[in-house]
Protein backbone atom coordinates (compact mmCIF):
# COMPACT_ATOMS: atom_id res chain seq x y z
CA MET A 1 48.50 103.81 327.80
CA ASP A 2 48.53 100.46 329.59
CA ILE A 3 49.41 101.55 333.14
CA GLY A 4 49.83 97.97 334.35
CA ALA A 5 52.28 97.06 331.58
CA PHE A 6 54.14 100.33 332.19
CA LEU A 7 54.59 99.60 335.89
CA ARG A 8 55.66 96.03 335.17
CA ARG A 9 58.33 97.23 332.72
CA GLN A 10 59.64 99.74 335.25
CA ARG A 11 59.81 97.06 337.95
CA GLU A 12 61.47 94.49 335.72
CA SER A 13 64.03 97.04 334.54
CA GLN A 14 65.24 97.16 338.15
CA GLY A 15 65.23 93.38 338.56
CA LEU A 16 62.58 93.52 341.29
CA THR A 17 59.80 91.10 342.17
CA GLN A 18 56.35 92.52 342.78
CA ARG A 19 56.84 91.91 346.49
CA GLU A 20 60.11 93.88 346.51
CA PHE A 21 58.59 96.67 344.42
CA GLY A 22 55.69 96.96 346.85
CA GLN A 23 57.96 96.95 349.90
CA LEU A 24 59.98 99.85 348.54
CA ALA A 25 56.80 101.88 348.05
CA GLY A 26 55.04 100.67 351.19
CA LEU A 27 52.35 98.73 349.31
CA PRO A 28 51.14 95.11 349.72
CA VAL A 29 52.21 92.72 346.98
CA GLY A 30 48.56 92.05 346.14
CA THR A 31 48.04 95.74 345.41
CA VAL A 32 51.03 95.85 343.07
CA SER A 33 49.75 92.72 341.33
CA SER A 34 46.27 94.20 340.88
CA TYR A 35 47.79 97.29 339.25
CA GLU A 36 50.04 95.34 336.88
CA THR A 37 47.28 92.97 335.77
CA GLY A 38 44.81 95.80 335.22
CA ARG A 39 42.34 94.67 337.88
CA ARG A 40 42.74 98.08 339.53
CA VAL A 41 43.86 101.46 338.19
CA PRO A 42 46.30 103.20 340.56
CA PRO A 43 45.86 106.90 341.39
CA VAL A 44 48.51 109.22 339.96
CA ALA A 45 49.93 109.76 343.47
CA THR A 46 50.45 106.00 343.86
CA ILE A 47 52.17 105.76 340.48
CA GLU A 48 54.49 108.56 341.58
CA SER A 49 55.24 106.73 344.84
CA LEU A 50 56.07 103.50 343.03
CA LEU A 51 58.33 105.26 340.54
CA GLY A 52 59.95 107.37 343.25
CA ALA A 53 60.85 104.20 345.15
CA ILE A 54 63.11 103.19 342.25
CA GLY A 55 64.49 106.63 341.56
CA ARG A 56 62.17 107.54 338.73
CA GLN A 57 59.52 110.20 338.25
CA LEU A 58 56.40 110.49 336.17
CA SER A 59 56.43 112.72 333.10
CA LEU A 60 53.10 113.16 331.35
CA THR A 61 52.83 113.60 327.61
CA THR A 62 50.45 112.67 324.80
CA GLU A 63 50.79 110.68 321.64
CA PRO A 64 48.50 109.87 318.72
CA LEU A 65 45.70 107.42 319.33
CA TRP A 66 46.79 103.83 318.62
CA ALA A 67 50.47 104.79 318.81
CA ASP A 68 51.25 101.95 321.24
CA VAL A 69 49.67 99.42 318.91
CA ASP A 70 51.39 100.93 315.87
CA ARG A 71 54.79 100.53 317.55
CA GLU A 72 54.17 96.86 318.25
CA ILE A 73 52.97 96.26 314.70
CA ALA A 74 55.92 98.12 313.18
CA ALA A 75 58.41 96.13 315.25
CA ILE A 76 57.11 92.83 313.90
CA GLN A 77 55.38 93.48 310.58
CA GLY A 78 58.52 93.58 308.42
CA LEU A 79 59.90 90.30 309.75
CA THR A 80 59.56 86.91 308.10
CA ALA A 81 57.54 84.19 309.84
CA GLU A 82 60.77 82.55 311.00
CA GLU A 83 62.14 85.83 312.34
CA ARG A 84 58.93 86.48 314.25
CA LEU A 85 59.09 83.09 315.94
CA ALA A 86 62.76 83.60 316.75
CA ARG A 87 61.82 86.66 318.82
CA VAL A 88 59.54 84.60 321.08
CA PRO A 89 61.38 83.51 324.28
CA VAL A 90 60.23 79.90 323.89
CA LEU A 91 62.14 76.90 322.54
CA PHE A 92 59.54 75.76 320.03
CA ASP A 93 61.40 72.62 318.87
CA TRP A 94 61.62 71.28 322.41
CA TRP A 95 57.96 71.85 323.22
CA HIS A 96 56.77 70.57 319.85
CA ASP A 97 58.44 67.19 320.40
CA ARG A 98 56.76 66.79 323.78
CA LEU A 99 53.33 68.11 322.85
CA ALA A 100 53.05 66.22 319.56
CA ASP A 101 51.22 63.26 321.12
CA LEU A 102 48.88 65.41 323.23
CA ASP A 103 45.59 66.69 321.89
CA VAL A 104 46.35 70.33 322.71
CA VAL A 105 46.01 73.39 320.48
CA LEU A 106 48.05 76.59 320.31
CA ASP A 107 46.05 79.50 321.69
CA GLY A 108 46.27 83.22 322.42
CA PRO A 109 48.90 85.58 320.99
CA VAL A 110 51.19 82.77 319.81
CA ALA A 111 48.36 81.34 317.71
CA ALA A 112 47.67 84.78 316.24
CA LEU A 113 51.37 85.23 315.45
CA MET A 114 51.55 81.90 313.62
CA LEU A 115 48.53 82.95 311.58
CA GLY A 116 50.24 86.15 310.47
CA ALA A 117 49.09 88.73 313.02
CA PRO A 118 51.95 91.00 314.18
CA VAL A 119 51.41 90.63 317.91
CA PRO A 120 54.03 90.44 320.69
CA VAL A 121 54.37 86.99 322.24
CA ARG A 122 56.00 86.10 325.56
CA SER A 123 54.75 82.57 326.18
CA LEU A 124 53.46 79.39 324.59
CA ASP A 125 49.69 79.47 325.15
CA LEU A 126 47.85 76.16 324.98
CA ALA A 127 44.19 75.18 324.89
CA VAL A 128 44.01 71.90 326.83
CA PRO A 129 40.79 69.85 326.55
CA ALA A 130 39.61 67.96 329.60
CA ALA A 131 40.37 64.61 327.94
CA ALA A 132 44.05 65.55 327.65
CA LEU A 133 44.50 66.99 331.14
CA ASN A 134 45.96 63.87 332.78
CA ARG A 135 48.55 63.40 330.05
CA PHE A 136 49.36 67.09 330.16
CA ALA A 137 49.97 66.74 333.89
CA GLU A 138 52.33 63.82 333.24
CA LEU A 139 54.26 65.88 330.71
CA LEU A 140 54.70 68.77 333.13
CA SER A 141 55.85 66.48 335.93
CA GLY A 142 58.75 65.33 333.75
CA VAL A 143 60.07 68.79 332.86
CA MET A 144 63.27 69.53 334.76
CA ASN A 145 63.27 72.65 336.96
CA LEU A 146 59.74 73.60 335.96
CA ARG A 147 58.21 76.21 338.28
CA ARG A 148 54.61 77.28 338.60
CA TRP A 149 53.46 80.85 339.13
CA SER A 150 51.99 81.71 342.52
CA ASP A 151 49.53 84.57 342.84
CA ASN A 152 49.99 84.59 346.61
CA TRP A 153 53.77 85.03 346.43
CA GLN A 154 53.83 86.81 343.08
CA ASP A 155 56.77 84.65 342.08
CA TRP A 156 57.64 81.32 340.49
CA GLY A 157 58.08 78.09 342.41
CA TYR A 158 55.63 78.19 345.32
CA SER A 159 52.82 76.03 343.92
CA ALA A 160 52.33 72.39 342.94
CA ILE A 161 53.29 71.71 339.33
CA ASP A 162 50.21 69.55 338.67
CA PRO A 163 47.64 71.54 336.63
CA ARG A 164 44.86 69.60 338.38
CA GLU A 165 45.84 71.35 341.61
CA PRO A 166 44.53 74.89 342.33
CA GLY A 167 46.58 77.77 341.03
CA PRO A 168 47.32 79.81 337.90
CA LEU A 169 47.98 77.70 334.83
CA ARG A 170 51.40 79.24 334.17
CA TRP A 171 54.76 77.49 334.29
CA LYS A 172 58.31 78.47 333.46
CA CYS A 173 61.55 76.62 332.80
CA ALA A 174 64.70 76.95 330.73
CA TYR A 175 62.63 76.26 327.60
CA GLY A 176 60.30 79.20 328.11
CA GLU A 177 57.00 80.05 329.74
CA ILE A 178 53.82 78.15 328.96
CA ARG A 179 50.26 79.04 329.85
CA ALA A 180 47.22 76.79 329.60
CA ARG A 181 43.50 77.32 329.18
CA LEU A 182 41.41 74.33 330.22
CA MET A 183 38.48 73.63 327.92
CA GLU A 184 35.70 71.07 328.14
CA LEU A 185 36.16 70.01 324.52
CA ARG A 186 39.03 70.33 322.09
CA PRO A 187 38.62 73.63 320.23
CA ARG A 188 38.57 73.68 316.47
CA SER A 189 41.97 74.21 314.90
CA VAL A 190 43.87 74.61 311.66
CA ASP A 191 47.27 73.08 310.93
CA VAL A 192 50.04 75.63 310.48
CA LEU A 193 53.55 74.89 309.20
CA ALA A 194 56.03 76.95 311.21
CA ASP A 195 59.79 76.51 311.00
CA GLY A 196 59.42 73.01 309.60
CA GLN A 197 56.90 71.88 312.21
CA ILE A 198 53.15 71.44 312.00
CA TRP A 199 51.17 72.94 314.86
CA PRO A 200 47.41 72.75 315.52
CA VAL A 201 46.34 76.37 315.99
CA ARG A 202 43.03 77.96 316.98
CA PRO A 203 41.59 80.06 314.12
CA LEU A 204 42.30 83.76 314.28
CA SER A 205 38.63 84.67 314.68
CA ASP A 206 38.41 82.50 317.81
CA VAL A 207 41.62 83.84 319.32
CA GLU A 208 40.60 87.42 318.64
CA SER A 209 37.41 87.06 320.62
CA ASP A 210 39.35 85.85 323.67
CA ASP A 211 42.46 88.05 323.78
CA PRO A 212 42.14 91.85 324.22
CA TRP A 213 45.58 92.68 322.78
CA VAL A 214 45.03 90.57 319.67
CA THR A 215 41.68 92.32 319.28
CA ARG A 216 43.35 95.75 319.40
CA VAL A 217 46.03 94.83 316.88
CA LEU A 218 43.60 93.33 314.38
CA THR A 219 41.14 96.20 314.81
CA ARG A 220 43.92 98.65 314.08
CA MET A 221 45.11 96.75 311.01
CA ARG A 222 41.61 96.60 309.57
CA GLY A 223 41.30 100.35 310.04
CA GLY A 224 44.62 101.00 308.33
CA LEU A 225 47.85 102.22 309.90
CA ARG A 226 48.45 105.96 310.13
CA SER A 227 51.70 107.74 310.72
CA GLY A 228 50.19 110.67 312.56
CA PRO A 229 47.09 111.80 314.45
């Protein structure tokens, strides 16, 4: 069980920020953040305090090994490529038009999804080589109502938009969330046709080595899905 993802889902179901969630339970926002990102594992008593603050309680049970991965795979595997992309909360057409002239490459879970792996995707992940950083910064500066994630505030909109300035490389606007990984050189890529558009995408073997969730999904698929323990 991914405790961090579980706590995040519980918080988001109540429409709370991490700061608000922590205040209800008497915890600093940094502590809540460290739990949700997996940097720290909360004691059971702390989990109970967090859940109790939103009127929930912890109920322990067991499930077959890999069940969480199997659920994610089952939810996506039967969909067509177009249907899979439609589930991603990103306006691909809009971003494609603006990224077409930049030497950036799709990365992370979205790259794996475009290459056929049934992984959940929440953002448009980009590998940005150093040579393209200035132009990438210009692109971001022209996006209306774009907000950058702040680790200090655990919210959007408290940091400079410019990716050359310190801060997490995550931004959000009406067209979806994007995340960037800065790389010294442009990574190798393959061209993938998706919904009538050609995207440069990092090969699956490269993405797998960098993303833990993609690794779990592909490991499970190679081992074969099972319906029971």
